[in-house]
Amino acid sequence: MGVVIPLEEPRREAGIQALSELVAADLERVNALILSRTGSDVQMIPEVANHLISSGGKRLRPLLTLAAAKLASYTGDGHVRLAASVEFMHTATLLHDDVVDESEMRRGKLAARMMWGNQASVLVGDFLLGQAFKMMVEVGSLACLDILSTAATVIAEGEVMQLAAAKNIATTEDEYLAVIRSKTAALFAAACEVGPALVQRPKPEQAACRSYGANLGIAFQLVDDALDYGGREAKLGKKVGDDLREGKITLPVIFAVRRGTPGEREFWRKTLEDGEIGDNTLEIAIDLLQRHGAIDETLARARHYGTIARDALALFPESEPKKAMLDVVDFVTSRAH
């Protein structure tokens, strides 16, 4: 069961379309580079990599890398390699995540681990990380290499932090936000910062793009949290309630636990900590989330971080790249449910 949250579809589509059109030529080059860099004499590597890479992801992070480079008036071609690196880092993270979470679906298809096994998923993820760093080195910018390698470290830390918080209903909002700042927002931040860093723009401009990306990433993850209990499976690319079945403590649950009765907290403990999932568990969970306004509150938090992301770009003059990046905030916080 899912509670459908109606949002403005035309506005959402415009948000991503403007960005896609702005960098269409560069994105074609990124896609060609991605294809060429997944090639290997080891047959399983391109099979596993392309299963996920070609599965309909929006390429949002590399799109932002290309847009931020335009915002910074970059005129070379290093941003294409950096955008491909960002996508490879993201794909590697998804492959690893699905193994850790024992996920069955990804982007509406069977997860790679279900087809090739956990070992192949982890190792192909490692291959993509290696290719990402190879492309970073080819760009020849130590600053960009530093930004993206630091992000890779922070993402791994976020994964371990999430493991530590898993199935613990005492997790606080601050602890959870620390996880998603590392696990999700770090790559968004790096993706947006490397363009200005490549041009050696003034530090305030680089910091502004980093802030934009980081806060956009937090908003993105919070909307995902809400979608897991109030989305359409066709849009999600996974089953509604996967977070519940995997024992994940996300912000809607944190709100419901904090505001709930002792009996309701016992339900969350049995469900998330003990893994007691029955036929109507998801229905009960969604009812509790609605009763305490947890989904609405999570979306409100997402809009708050979206506003911070928009404000971060205020120091840049009006331009097509700036407008497209601002529209992305609407896309992220108004995704179809």
Protein backbone atom coordinates (compact mmCIF):
# COMPACT_ATOMS: atom_id res chain seq x y z
CA MET A 1 0.00 0.00 0.00
CA GLY A 2 1.26 3.50 -0.79
CA VAL A 3 -0.20 6.91 -0.11
CA VAL A 4 0.15 8.95 -3.28
CA ILE A 5 1.32 12.49 -2.68
CA PRO A 6 0.18 14.64 -5.62
CA LEU A 7 2.77 17.06 -6.94
CA GLU A 8 3.12 19.33 -9.95
CA GLU A 9 4.29 17.09 -12.82
CA PRO A 10 4.72 19.83 -15.51
CA ARG A 11 6.85 21.93 -13.20
CA ARG A 12 8.96 18.91 -12.26
CA GLU A 13 9.59 18.00 -15.89
CA ALA A 14 10.57 21.57 -16.73
CA GLY A 15 13.06 21.51 -13.87
CA ILE A 16 15.14 18.69 -15.32
CA GLN A 17 14.47 19.46 -18.99
CA ALA A 18 16.08 22.92 -18.90
CA LEU A 19 19.23 21.47 -17.38
CA SER A 20 19.34 18.58 -19.87
CA GLU A 21 18.93 20.93 -22.85
CA LEU A 22 21.58 23.31 -21.55
CA VAL A 23 24.29 20.64 -21.46
CA ALA A 24 22.92 18.21 -24.10
CA ALA A 25 26.03 18.21 -26.28
CA ASP A 26 28.36 17.70 -23.32
CA LEU A 27 26.12 14.96 -21.91
CA GLU A 28 26.38 13.04 -25.18
CA ARG A 29 30.14 13.13 -24.80
CA VAL A 30 29.83 11.97 -21.19
CA ASN A 31 27.63 9.05 -22.23
CA ALA A 32 30.07 8.05 -24.98
CA LEU A 33 32.94 8.19 -22.48
CA ILE A 34 30.98 6.12 -19.97
CA LEU A 35 30.36 3.49 -22.63
CA SER A 36 34.01 3.34 -23.64
CA ARG A 37 35.28 3.16 -20.04
CA THR A 38 33.03 0.24 -19.08
CA GLY A 39 34.72 -1.86 -21.74
CA SER A 40 36.85 -4.74 -20.53
CA ASP A 41 38.17 -8.09 -21.77
CA VAL A 42 36.51 -9.55 -18.69
CA GLN A 43 33.02 -10.11 -20.08
CA MET A 44 31.14 -9.83 -16.80
CA ILE A 45 32.40 -6.29 -16.11
CA PRO A 46 30.59 -4.49 -18.97
CA GLU A 47 27.55 -6.73 -18.46
CA VAL A 48 27.13 -5.79 -14.80
CA ALA A 49 28.12 -2.14 -15.25
CA ASN A 50 25.86 -1.51 -18.22
CA HIS A 51 22.94 -3.28 -16.54
CA LEU A 52 22.81 -0.41 -14.06
CA ILE A 53 24.27 2.46 -16.09
CA SER A 54 21.78 1.95 -18.92
CA SER A 55 18.78 1.37 -16.65
CA GLY A 56 17.22 4.80 -16.98
CA GLY A 57 18.91 6.92 -14.32
CA LYS A 58 18.58 10.66 -14.91
CA ARG A 59 22.34 11.34 -14.71
CA LEU A 60 21.50 14.16 -12.29
CA ARG A 61 24.93 14.34 -10.67
CA PRO A 62 26.94 14.53 -13.93
CA LEU A 63 24.37 16.99 -15.30
CA LEU A 64 25.11 19.21 -12.32
CA THR A 65 28.87 18.87 -12.92
CA LEU A 66 28.41 20.06 -16.50
CA ALA A 67 26.06 22.90 -15.49
CA ALA A 68 28.35 24.16 -12.71
CA ALA A 69 31.27 24.18 -15.17
CA LYS A 70 29.16 26.36 -17.49
CA LEU A 71 28.24 28.58 -14.55
CA ALA A 72 31.97 29.06 -13.96
CA SER A 73 32.55 29.84 -17.69
CA TYR A 74 34.79 26.81 -18.22
CA THR A 75 35.75 26.33 -21.87
CA GLY A 76 37.87 23.15 -21.90
CA ASP A 77 36.80 19.51 -21.96
CA GLY A 78 37.97 18.31 -18.55
CA HIS A 79 34.47 18.70 -17.16
CA VAL A 80 33.32 15.82 -19.42
CA ARG A 81 35.77 13.42 -17.76
CA LEU A 82 34.87 14.74 -14.32
CA ALA A 83 31.15 14.28 -15.01
CA ALA A 84 31.79 10.68 -16.13
CA SER A 85 33.87 10.15 -12.99
CA VAL A 86 30.99 11.39 -10.85
CA GLU A 87 28.57 9.00 -12.56
CA PHE A 88 30.96 6.08 -12.09
CA MET A 89 31.33 6.92 -8.40
CA HIS A 90 27.56 7.06 -8.05
CA THR A 91 27.06 3.76 -9.90
CA ALA A 92 29.73 2.04 -7.79
CA THR A 93 27.96 3.25 -4.66
CA LEU A 94 24.63 1.83 -5.88
CA LEU A 95 26.22 -1.55 -6.64
CA HIS A 96 27.76 -1.66 -3.17
CA ASP A 97 24.59 -0.36 -1.48
CA ASP A 98 22.43 -3.07 -2.99
CA VAL A 99 24.75 -5.71 -1.58
CA VAL A 100 24.80 -4.16 1.89
CA ASP A 101 21.02 -3.64 1.91
CA GLU A 102 20.27 -7.00 0.23
CA SER A 103 18.07 -5.09 -2.23
CA GLU A 104 16.23 -6.98 -4.94
CA MET A 105 15.27 -4.07 -7.22
CA ARG A 106 17.08 -1.02 -8.59
CA ARG A 107 15.49 1.47 -11.01
CA GLY A 108 12.61 -0.87 -11.72
CA LYS A 109 14.85 -3.80 -12.68
CA LEU A 110 16.40 -6.68 -10.80
CA ALA A 111 19.44 -5.45 -8.89
CA ALA A 112 22.76 -6.59 -10.35
CA ARG A 113 23.40 -8.74 -7.26
CA MET A 114 20.27 -10.75 -8.03
CA MET A 115 21.62 -11.60 -11.50
CA TRP A 116 25.37 -11.91 -11.02
CA GLY A 117 25.74 -12.26 -7.25
CA ASN A 118 27.13 -10.11 -4.46
CA GLN A 119 30.78 -10.71 -5.23
CA ALA A 120 30.50 -9.59 -8.85
CA SER A 121 28.53 -6.48 -7.82
CA VAL A 122 31.17 -5.42 -5.31
CA LEU A 123 34.08 -6.09 -7.64
CA VAL A 124 32.51 -4.31 -10.63
CA GLY A 125 31.80 -1.39 -8.32
CA ASP A 126 35.51 -1.37 -7.46
CA PHE A 127 36.37 -1.45 -11.18
CA LEU A 128 34.18 1.62 -11.80
CA LEU A 129 35.81 3.48 -8.91
CA GLY A 130 39.19 2.70 -10.42
CA GLN A 131 38.09 4.03 -13.81
CA ALA A 132 36.67 7.15 -12.13
CA PHE A 133 40.00 7.96 -10.51
CA LYS A 134 41.86 7.25 -13.73
CA MET A 135 39.74 9.87 -15.52
CA MET A 136 40.28 12.35 -12.69
CA VAL A 137 44.02 11.97 -13.08
CA GLU A 138 43.71 12.50 -16.85
CA VAL A 139 42.09 15.90 -16.22
CA GLY A 140 45.28 16.99 -14.50
CA SER A 141 43.71 19.08 -11.73
CA LEU A 142 45.00 18.25 -8.28
CA ALA A 143 42.21 20.36 -6.76
CA CYS A 144 39.51 18.32 -8.51
CA LEU A 145 41.22 15.05 -7.61
CA ASP A 146 41.28 16.19 -3.98
CA ILE A 147 37.57 17.14 -4.02
CA LEU A 148 36.38 13.86 -5.53
CA SER A 149 38.75 11.58 -3.59
CA THR A 150 37.66 13.27 -0.35
CA ALA A 151 34.04 12.70 -1.36
CA ALA A 152 34.75 9.00 -1.94
CA THR A 153 36.16 8.72 1.58
CA VAL A 154 33.23 10.59 3.13
CA ILE A 155 30.70 8.43 1.25
CA ALA A 156 32.33 5.28 2.64
CA GLU A 157 32.21 6.78 6.13
CA GLY A 158 28.51 7.50 5.63
CA GLU A 159 27.88 3.89 4.65
CA VAL A 160 29.55 2.66 7.84
CA MET A 161 27.65 5.24 9.90
CA GLN A 162 24.40 3.96 8.39
CA LEU A 163 25.34 0.40 9.31
CA ALA A 164 25.92 1.50 12.90
CA ALA A 165 22.51 3.22 13.00
CA ALA A 166 20.65 0.40 11.23
CA LYS A 167 17.68 -1.08 13.08
CA ASN A 168 18.14 1.33 16.00
CA ILE A 169 14.94 3.30 16.62
CA ALA A 170 16.78 5.52 19.11
CA THR A 171 18.60 7.18 16.17
CA THR A 172 18.13 10.96 16.37
CA GLU A 173 17.41 13.42 13.59
CA ASP A 174 20.90 14.90 13.97
CA GLU A 175 22.51 11.46 13.72
CA TYR A 176 20.49 10.65 10.64
CA LEU A 177 21.31 13.95 8.95
CA ALA A 178 25.00 13.25 9.60
CA VAL A 179 24.59 9.96 7.71
CA ILE A 180 22.95 11.49 4.64
CA ARG A 181 25.36 14.44 4.57
CA SER A 182 28.09 11.85 4.10
CA LYS A 183 26.30 9.13 2.16
CA THR A 184 24.33 11.26 -0.33
CA ALA A 185 25.11 14.96 -0.07
CA ALA A 186 28.91 14.58 -0.32
CA LEU A 187 28.79 13.45 -3.96
CA PHE A 188 26.27 16.14 -4.92
CA ALA A 189 28.55 18.72 -3.30
CA ALA A 190 31.68 17.44 -5.06
CA ALA A 191 29.86 17.18 -8.40
CA CYS A 192 28.96 20.87 -8.21
CA GLU A 193 32.32 22.06 -6.88
CA VAL A 194 34.73 20.51 -9.40
CA GLY A 195 33.66 22.75 -12.31
CA PRO A 196 34.51 26.03 -10.56
CA ALA A 197 37.64 24.40 -9.09
CA LEU A 198 38.75 23.43 -12.61
CA VAL A 199 38.60 27.10 -13.64
CA GLN A 200 40.22 28.17 -10.36
CA ARG A 201 37.30 30.50 -9.64
CA PRO A 202 37.48 32.52 -6.40
CA LYS A 203 37.03 30.44 -3.24
CA PRO A 204 33.62 32.00 -2.39
CA GLU A 205 32.25 30.83 -5.75
CA GLN A 206 33.60 27.31 -5.24
CA ALA A 207 32.15 27.27 -1.73
CA ALA A 208 28.78 28.50 -3.03
CA CYS A 209 28.59 25.68 -5.57
CA ARG A 210 29.59 23.17 -2.92
CA SER A 211 26.88 24.47 -0.57
CA TYR A 212 24.32 24.34 -3.36
CA GLY A 213 25.19 20.71 -4.09
CA ALA A 214 25.33 19.61 -0.47
CA ASN A 215 21.95 21.07 0.44
CA LEU A 216 20.40 19.82 -2.79
CA GLY A 217 21.70 16.35 -1.93
CA ILE A 218 20.12 16.45 1.53
CA ALA A 219 16.81 17.57 0.01
CA PHE A 220 17.07 14.77 -2.57
CA GLN A 221 17.53 12.08 0.08
CA LEU A 222 14.75 13.41 2.31
CA VAL A 223 12.31 13.31 -0.60
CA ASP A 224 13.44 9.71 -1.23
CA ASP A 225 12.68 8.93 2.41
CA ALA A 226 9.15 10.27 2.00
CA LEU A 227 8.69 8.50 -1.34
CA ASP A 228 9.43 5.13 0.21
CA TYR A 229 6.21 5.37 2.20
CA GLY A 230 4.16 7.56 -0.12
CA GLY A 231 5.34 6.90 -3.65
CA ARG A 232 4.35 5.04 -6.78
CA GLU A 233 6.48 1.98 -7.45
CA ALA A 234 6.71 2.83 -11.16
CA LYS A 235 8.34 6.14 -10.24
CA LEU A 236 10.43 4.76 -7.39
CA GLY A 237 12.05 1.92 -9.33
CA LYS A 238 11.70 -0.24 -6.22
CA LYS A 239 8.95 -1.55 -3.99
CA VAL A 240 7.16 0.92 -1.73
CA GLY A 241 8.22 0.10 1.82
CA ASP A 242 11.68 -1.28 0.99
CA ASP A 243 13.20 0.89 3.72
CA LEU A 244 10.80 -0.68 6.23
CA ARG A 245 11.57 -4.22 5.10
CA GLU A 246 15.31 -3.53 5.25
CA GLY A 247 15.05 -2.10 8.77
CA LYS A 248 16.27 1.35 7.69
CA ILE A 249 15.78 4.20 10.10
CA THR A 250 14.86 7.23 7.99
CA LEU A 251 13.54 10.66 8.90
CA PRO A 252 9.80 9.87 8.64
CA VAL A 253 10.31 6.97 11.05
CA ILE A 254 12.36 9.13 13.41
CA PHE A 255 9.49 11.64 13.56
CA ALA A 256 6.88 8.91 14.11
CA VAL A 257 8.92 7.24 16.86
CA ARG A 258 9.59 10.56 18.59
CA ARG A 259 5.94 11.63 18.51
CA GLY A 260 4.36 8.20 19.07
CA THR A 261 2.87 6.48 22.10
CA PRO A 262 4.78 3.76 23.98
CA GLY A 263 2.68 1.18 22.11
CA GLU A 264 3.54 2.73 18.74
CA ARG A 265 7.23 2.81 19.62
CA GLU A 266 7.00 -0.90 20.46
CA PHE A 267 5.54 -1.49 16.98
CA TRP A 268 8.52 0.28 15.40
CA ARG A 269 10.93 -1.64 17.61
CA LYS A 270 9.47 -5.02 16.65
CA THR A 271 9.27 -4.07 12.98
CA LEU A 272 12.64 -2.40 12.46
CA GLU A 273 14.84 -3.91 15.17
CA ASP A 274 13.40 -7.44 15.32
CA GLY A 275 12.33 -7.62 11.67
CA GLU A 276 8.77 -8.75 12.42
CA ILE A 277 7.05 -7.94 9.10
CA GLY A 278 3.50 -9.16 8.52
CA ASP A 279 1.01 -8.76 5.69
CA ASN A 280 -0.36 -5.46 7.05
CA THR A 281 2.82 -4.07 8.65
CA LEU A 282 3.42 -1.52 5.88
CA GLU A 283 -0.20 -0.36 6.05
CA ILE A 284 0.09 0.16 9.83
CA ALA A 285 3.42 1.98 9.40
CA ILE A 286 2.00 4.36 6.79
CA ASP A 287 -1.02 5.05 9.03
CA LEU A 288 1.27 5.95 11.94
CA LEU A 289 3.43 8.15 9.71
CA GLN A 290 0.35 10.02 8.51
CA ARG A 291 -1.11 10.30 11.99
CA HIS A 292 1.99 12.10 13.21
CA GLY A 293 2.54 14.17 10.04
CA ALA A 294 5.90 12.46 9.50
CA ILE A 295 5.83 12.38 5.69
CA ASP A 296 4.68 16.00 5.42
CA GLU A 297 7.33 17.06 7.95
CA THR A 298 10.04 15.24 6.00
CA LEU A 299 8.99 16.99 2.77
CA ALA A 300 8.99 20.32 4.63
CA ARG A 301 12.56 19.63 5.74
CA ALA A 302 13.47 18.84 2.12
CA ARG A 303 12.04 22.17 0.97
CA HIS A 304 14.03 23.91 3.71
CA TYR A 305 17.30 22.48 2.42
CA GLY A 306 16.18 23.27 -1.12
CA THR A 307 15.81 26.92 -0.11
CA ILE A 308 19.36 26.91 1.29
CA ALA A 309 20.59 25.44 -2.01
CA ARG A 310 18.86 28.20 -3.98
CA ASP A 311 20.28 30.91 -1.71
CA ALA A 312 23.80 29.55 -2.15
CA LEU A 313 23.81 30.62 -5.82
CA ALA A 314 22.76 34.21 -5.03
CA LEU A 315 26.29 35.59 -5.53
CA PHE A 316 26.31 34.51 -9.20
CA PRO A 317 24.86 36.88 -11.81
CA GLU A 318 21.75 35.79 -13.69
CA SER A 319 22.52 33.33 -16.50
CA GLU A 320 21.11 30.24 -18.20
CA PRO A 321 23.24 27.86 -16.11
CA LYS A 322 22.15 29.56 -12.89
CA LYS A 323 18.48 29.42 -13.85
CA ALA A 324 18.76 25.75 -14.82
CA MET A 325 20.46 24.92 -11.53
CA LEU A 326 17.76 26.78 -9.59
CA ASP A 327 15.09 24.88 -11.52
CA VAL A 328 16.72 21.63 -10.43
CA VAL A 329 15.87 22.51 -6.84
CA ASP A 330 12.19 22.51 -7.82
CA PHE A 331 12.69 19.21 -9.64
CA VAL A 332 14.27 17.58 -6.58
CA THR A 333 11.70 18.83 -4.06
CA SER A 334 8.70 18.30 -6.37
CA ARG A 335 9.47 14.88 -7.84
CA ALA A 336 6.39 12.89 -8.87
CA HIS A 337 5.29 10.54 -6.17
